[in-house]
C-alpha atoms as a PDB file:
ATOM      1  CA  MET A   1       0.044  -0.016   0.105  1.00  0.00           C
ATOM      2  CA  ASN A   2       1.027   3.610  -0.437  1.00  0.00           C
ATOM      3  CA  PRO A   3       2.816   5.489   2.380  1.00  0.00           C
ATOM      4  CA  SER A   4       0.617   7.855   4.408  1.00  0.00           C
ATOM      5  CA  PRO A   5       2.402  11.129   5.373  1.00  0.00           C
ATOM      6  CA  ALA A   6       1.400  12.925   8.448  1.00  0.00           C
ATOM      7  CA  ASP A   7       2.783  16.166   9.856  1.00  0.00           C
ATOM      8  CA  PRO A   8       2.002  16.093  13.712  1.00  0.00           C
ATOM      9  CA  ALA A   9       2.496  19.386  15.519  1.00  0.00           C
ATOM     10  CA  ARG A  10       5.236  17.822  17.768  1.00  0.00           C
ATOM     11  CA  GLY A  11       7.921  15.515  16.315  1.00  0.00           C
ATOM     12  CA  GLY A  12       7.982  16.506  12.745  1.00  0.00           C
ATOM     13  CA  PRO A  13       6.704  14.574   9.706  1.00  0.00           C
ATOM     14  CA  VAL A  14       5.720  10.779   9.897  1.00  0.00           C
ATOM     15  CA  GLU A  15       5.523   8.372   7.173  1.00  0.00           C
ATOM     16  CA  MET A  16       3.343   5.212   7.690  1.00  0.00           C
ATOM     17  CA  ARG A  17       2.687   2.093   5.672  1.00  0.00           C
ATOM     18  CA  ILE A  18       0.288  -0.842   6.260  1.00  0.00           C
ATOM     19  CA  LEU A  19       2.302  -3.960   5.970  1.00  0.00           C
ATOM     20  CA  VAL A  20      -0.394  -6.639   6.803  1.00  0.00           C
ATOM     21  CA  TRP A  21      -4.065  -6.152   6.679  1.00  0.00           C
ATOM     22  CA  GLU A  22      -6.182  -9.420   7.438  1.00  0.00           C
ATOM     23  CA  PRO A  23      -9.277  -8.022   9.131  1.00  0.00           C
ATOM     24  CA  PRO A  24     -10.591  -8.744  11.654  1.00  0.00           C
ATOM     25  CA  ARG A  25      -7.679 -10.500  13.280  1.00  0.00           C
ATOM     26  CA  VAL A  26      -4.172  -8.839  11.981  1.00  0.00           C
ATOM     27  CA  PHE A  27      -3.154  -5.223  11.282  1.00  0.00           C
ATOM     28  CA  GLU A  28       0.556  -4.470  11.060  1.00  0.00           C
ATOM     29  CA  ARG A  29       2.087  -1.064  10.115  1.00  0.00           C
ATOM     30  CA  ASP A  30       5.391   0.584  10.035  1.00  0.00           C
ATOM     31  CA  TRP A  31       6.546   4.224  10.635  1.00  0.00           C
ATOM     32  CA  ARG A  32       9.368   6.489   9.909  1.00  0.00           C
ATOM     33  CA  GLN A  33      10.062   9.637  11.971  1.00  0.00           C
ATOM     34  CA  GLY A  34      13.166  11.605  11.949  1.00  0.00           C
ATOM     35  CA  ILE A  35      13.462  11.911  15.872  1.00  0.00           C
ATOM     36  CA  VAL A  36      13.046   8.012  16.750  1.00  0.00           C
ATOM     37  CA  GLU A  37      14.166   4.862  15.123  1.00  0.00           C
ATOM     38  CA  ASP A  38      11.958   3.262  12.387  1.00  0.00           C
ATOM     39  CA  GLY A  39       9.529   0.803  13.920  1.00  0.00           C
ATOM     40  CA  VAL A  40       6.789  -1.731  13.075  1.00  0.00           C
ATOM     41  CA  VAL A  41       3.553  -2.469  15.389  1.00  0.00           C
ATOM     42  CA  ARG A  42       1.630  -5.515  14.922  1.00  0.00           C
ATOM     43  CA  TYR A  43      -1.813  -6.124  16.385  1.00  0.00           C
ATOM     44  CA  GLU A  44      -3.010  -9.753  16.266  1.00  0.00           C
ATOM     45  CA  GLU A  45      -6.044 -11.182  18.003  1.00  0.00           C
ATOM     46  CA  VAL A  46      -5.559 -14.661  19.111  1.00  0.00           C
ATOM     47  CA  ALA A  47      -7.965 -17.111  20.902  1.00  0.00           C
ATOM     48  CA  PRO A  48      -7.278 -17.192  24.595  1.00  0.00           C
ATOM     49  CA  ALA A  49      -5.574 -20.293  25.993  1.00  0.00           C
ATOM     50  CA  TYR A  50      -7.561 -21.658  28.784  1.00  0.00           C
ATOM     51  CA  ALA A  51      -6.168 -24.259  31.214  1.00  0.00           C
ATOM     52  CA  GLY A  52      -8.664 -26.428  32.792  1.00  0.00           C
END
């Protein structure tokens, strides 16, 4: 997918891309911002593991 630029008031410009999109269970994105290291965030819903 195409990068999505943002320009927040504090911290300068941010560029984000969606890396994985598998609704409703997985969403992963990256970001690039000059004041911090590049990063990736992944949200993944999993079934709870019940012991019993």
